[in-house]
Amino acid sequence: MRDQDLLALDEKEMRNVRGHKISMIFQDPMTSLNPSIPIGKQIEESLIIHLKMSREKAGARVCELLDLFQSRILTFQGSDFLTNSVAG
């Protein structure tokens, strides 16, 4: 990755790279999200691990992100976007 040899990094250094500089977004929801855990908790966990946020700050950020997502969904409500892309 640019001037950094990822193969030379130990696990701790690589964990710092993941989520900050590189990440993978799986398209299959069965492999990327756990349906038994609320989405907010899953996002919060990622913020705590990768961005070293406190639980309080991560919780507040999750609320901001979910509000933003809800606003975008409401913007598209009734359009083809909602029925074809978001719903499924």
C-alpha atoms as a PDB file:
ATOM      1  CA  MET A   1       0.000   0.000   0.000  1.00  0.00           C
ATOM      2  CA  ARG A   2       1.770   3.048  -1.300  1.00  0.00           C
ATOM      3  CA  ASP A   3       5.063   3.093   0.617  1.00  0.00           C
ATOM      4  CA  GLN A   4       4.095   0.519   3.279  1.00  0.00           C
ATOM      5  CA  ASP A   5       4.718  -3.222   2.921  1.00  0.00           C
ATOM      6  CA  LEU A   6       1.591  -4.798   4.423  1.00  0.00           C
ATOM      7  CA  LEU A   7       3.193  -8.244   4.522  1.00  0.00           C
ATOM      8  CA  ALA A   8       5.870  -6.932   6.874  1.00  0.00           C
ATOM      9  CA  LEU A   9       3.362  -5.710   9.479  1.00  0.00           C
ATOM     10  CA  ASP A  10       2.593  -7.655  12.635  1.00  0.00           C
ATOM     11  CA  GLU A  11      -1.026  -8.310  13.648  1.00  0.00           C
ATOM     12  CA  LYS A  12      -1.310  -5.217  15.862  1.00  0.00           C
ATOM     13  CA  GLU A  13      -0.005  -2.922  13.099  1.00  0.00           C
ATOM     14  CA  MET A  14      -2.242  -4.605  10.519  1.00  0.00           C
ATOM     15  CA  ARG A  15      -5.302  -4.139  12.742  1.00  0.00           C
ATOM     16  CA  ASN A  16      -4.514  -0.419  12.769  1.00  0.00           C
ATOM     17  CA  VAL A  17      -4.427  -0.370   8.954  1.00  0.00           C
ATOM     18  CA  ARG A  18      -7.734  -2.245   8.664  1.00  0.00           C
ATOM     19  CA  GLY A  19     -10.656   0.083   9.054  1.00  0.00           C
ATOM     20  CA  HIS A  20      -8.525   3.214   8.759  1.00  0.00           C
ATOM     21  CA  LYS A  21      -6.904   2.785   5.357  1.00  0.00           C
ATOM     22  CA  ILE A  22      -8.422  -0.377   3.920  1.00  0.00           C
ATOM     23  CA  SER A  23     -11.621  -2.299   4.447  1.00  0.00           C
ATOM     24  CA  MET A  24     -13.809  -4.813   2.729  1.00  0.00           C
ATOM     25  CA  ILE A  25     -17.539  -4.406   2.353  1.00  0.00           C
ATOM     26  CA  PHE A  26     -19.177  -7.733   1.724  1.00  0.00           C
ATOM     27  CA  GLN A  27     -22.207  -7.716  -0.551  1.00  0.00           C
ATOM     28  CA  ASP A  28     -23.787 -10.779   1.068  1.00  0.00           C
ATOM     29  CA  PRO A  29     -25.525  -9.575   4.251  1.00  0.00           C
ATOM     30  CA  MET A  30     -25.401 -13.081   5.718  1.00  0.00           C
ATOM     31  CA  THR A  31     -21.597 -12.846   5.901  1.00  0.00           C
ATOM     32  CA  SER A  32     -21.253  -9.191   6.885  1.00  0.00           C
ATOM     33  CA  LEU A  33     -23.948  -8.537   9.499  1.00  0.00           C
ATOM     34  CA  ASN A  34     -25.150 -10.671  12.373  1.00  0.00           C
ATOM     35  CA  PRO A  35     -28.973 -10.544  12.368  1.00  0.00           C
ATOM     36  CA  SER A  36     -29.109 -11.355  16.087  1.00  0.00           C
ATOM     37  CA  ILE A  37     -27.121  -8.220  17.017  1.00  0.00           C
ATOM     38  CA  PRO A  38     -28.631  -4.755  16.428  1.00  0.00           C
ATOM     39  CA  ILE A  39     -26.936  -2.851  13.592  1.00  0.00           C
ATOM     40  CA  GLY A  40     -26.094   0.018  15.933  1.00  0.00           C
ATOM     41  CA  LYS A  41     -24.115  -2.303  18.201  1.00  0.00           C
ATOM     42  CA  GLN A  42     -22.193  -3.715  15.232  1.00  0.00           C
ATOM     43  CA  ILE A  43     -21.285  -0.235  13.985  1.00  0.00           C
ATOM     44  CA  GLU A  44     -20.394   0.856  17.518  1.00  0.00           C
ATOM     45  CA  GLU A  45     -18.054  -2.120  17.948  1.00  0.00           C
ATOM     46  CA  SER A  46     -16.244  -1.221  14.744  1.00  0.00           C
ATOM     47  CA  LEU A  47     -15.796   2.412  15.822  1.00  0.00           C
ATOM     48  CA  ILE A  48     -14.438   1.354  19.214  1.00  0.00           C
ATOM     49  CA  ILE A  49     -11.990  -1.171  17.766  1.00  0.00           C
ATOM     50  CA  HIS A  50     -10.766   0.676  14.678  1.00  0.00           C
ATOM     51  CA  LEU A  51     -11.050   4.322  15.684  1.00  0.00           C
ATOM     52  CA  LYS A  52     -10.354   3.820  19.409  1.00  0.00           C
ATOM     53  CA  MET A  53     -13.501   5.778  20.326  1.00  0.00           C
ATOM     54  CA  SER A  54     -14.961   5.590  23.789  1.00  0.00           C
ATOM     55  CA  ARG A  55     -18.273   3.730  24.028  1.00  0.00           C
ATOM     56  CA  GLU A  56     -20.028   7.050  24.677  1.00  0.00           C
ATOM     57  CA  LYS A  57     -18.542   8.777  21.609  1.00  0.00           C
ATOM     58  CA  ALA A  58     -19.097   5.711  19.436  1.00  0.00           C
ATOM     59  CA  GLY A  59     -22.741   5.558  20.526  1.00  0.00           C
ATOM     60  CA  ALA A  60     -23.238   9.208  19.628  1.00  0.00           C
ATOM     61  CA  ARG A  61     -21.575   8.688  16.230  1.00  0.00           C
ATOM     62  CA  VAL A  62     -23.781   5.654  15.548  1.00  0.00           C
ATOM     63  CA  CYS A  63     -26.854   7.811  16.185  1.00  0.00           C
ATOM     64  CA  GLU A  64     -25.538  10.428  13.738  1.00  0.00           C
ATOM     65  CA  LEU A  65     -24.836   7.807  11.078  1.00  0.00           C
ATOM     66  CA  LEU A  66     -28.200   6.085  11.438  1.00  0.00           C
ATOM     67  CA  ASP A  67     -30.010   9.439  11.364  1.00  0.00           C
ATOM     68  CA  LEU A  68     -28.122  10.309   8.182  1.00  0.00           C
ATOM     69  CA  PHE A  69     -29.051   6.976   6.634  1.00  0.00           C
ATOM     70  CA  GLN A  70     -32.703   7.381   7.625  1.00  0.00           C
ATOM     71  CA  SER A  71     -32.768  10.879   6.116  1.00  0.00           C
ATOM     72  CA  ARG A  72     -31.421   9.527   2.833  1.00  0.00           C
ATOM     73  CA  ILE A  73     -34.015   6.741   2.794  1.00  0.00           C
ATOM     74  CA  LEU A  74     -36.815   9.233   3.430  1.00  0.00           C
ATOM     75  CA  THR A  75     -35.506  11.373   0.568  1.00  0.00           C
ATOM     76  CA  PHE A  76     -35.893   8.445  -1.815  1.00  0.00           C
ATOM     77  CA  GLN A  77     -39.141   7.099  -0.365  1.00  0.00           C
ATOM     78  CA  GLY A  78     -41.614   6.278  -3.088  1.00  0.00           C
ATOM     79  CA  SER A  79     -38.965   6.211  -5.807  1.00  0.00           C
ATOM     80  CA  ASP A  80     -37.549   3.232  -7.702  1.00  0.00           C
ATOM     81  CA  PHE A  81     -34.377   3.529  -5.619  1.00  0.00           C
ATOM     82  CA  LEU A  82     -36.133   2.412  -2.448  1.00  0.00           C
ATOM     83  CA  THR A  83     -37.929  -0.558  -3.928  1.00  0.00           C
ATOM     84  CA  ASN A  84     -35.064  -1.798  -6.114  1.00  0.00           C
ATOM     85  CA  SER A  85     -31.920  -1.055  -4.119  1.00  0.00           C
ATOM     86  CA  VAL A  86     -32.635  -0.721  -0.427  1.00  0.00           C
ATOM     87  CA  ALA A  87     -35.551  -3.088   0.020  1.00  0.00           C
ATOM     88  CA  GLY A  88     -33.989  -5.780  -1.844  1.00  0.00           C
END
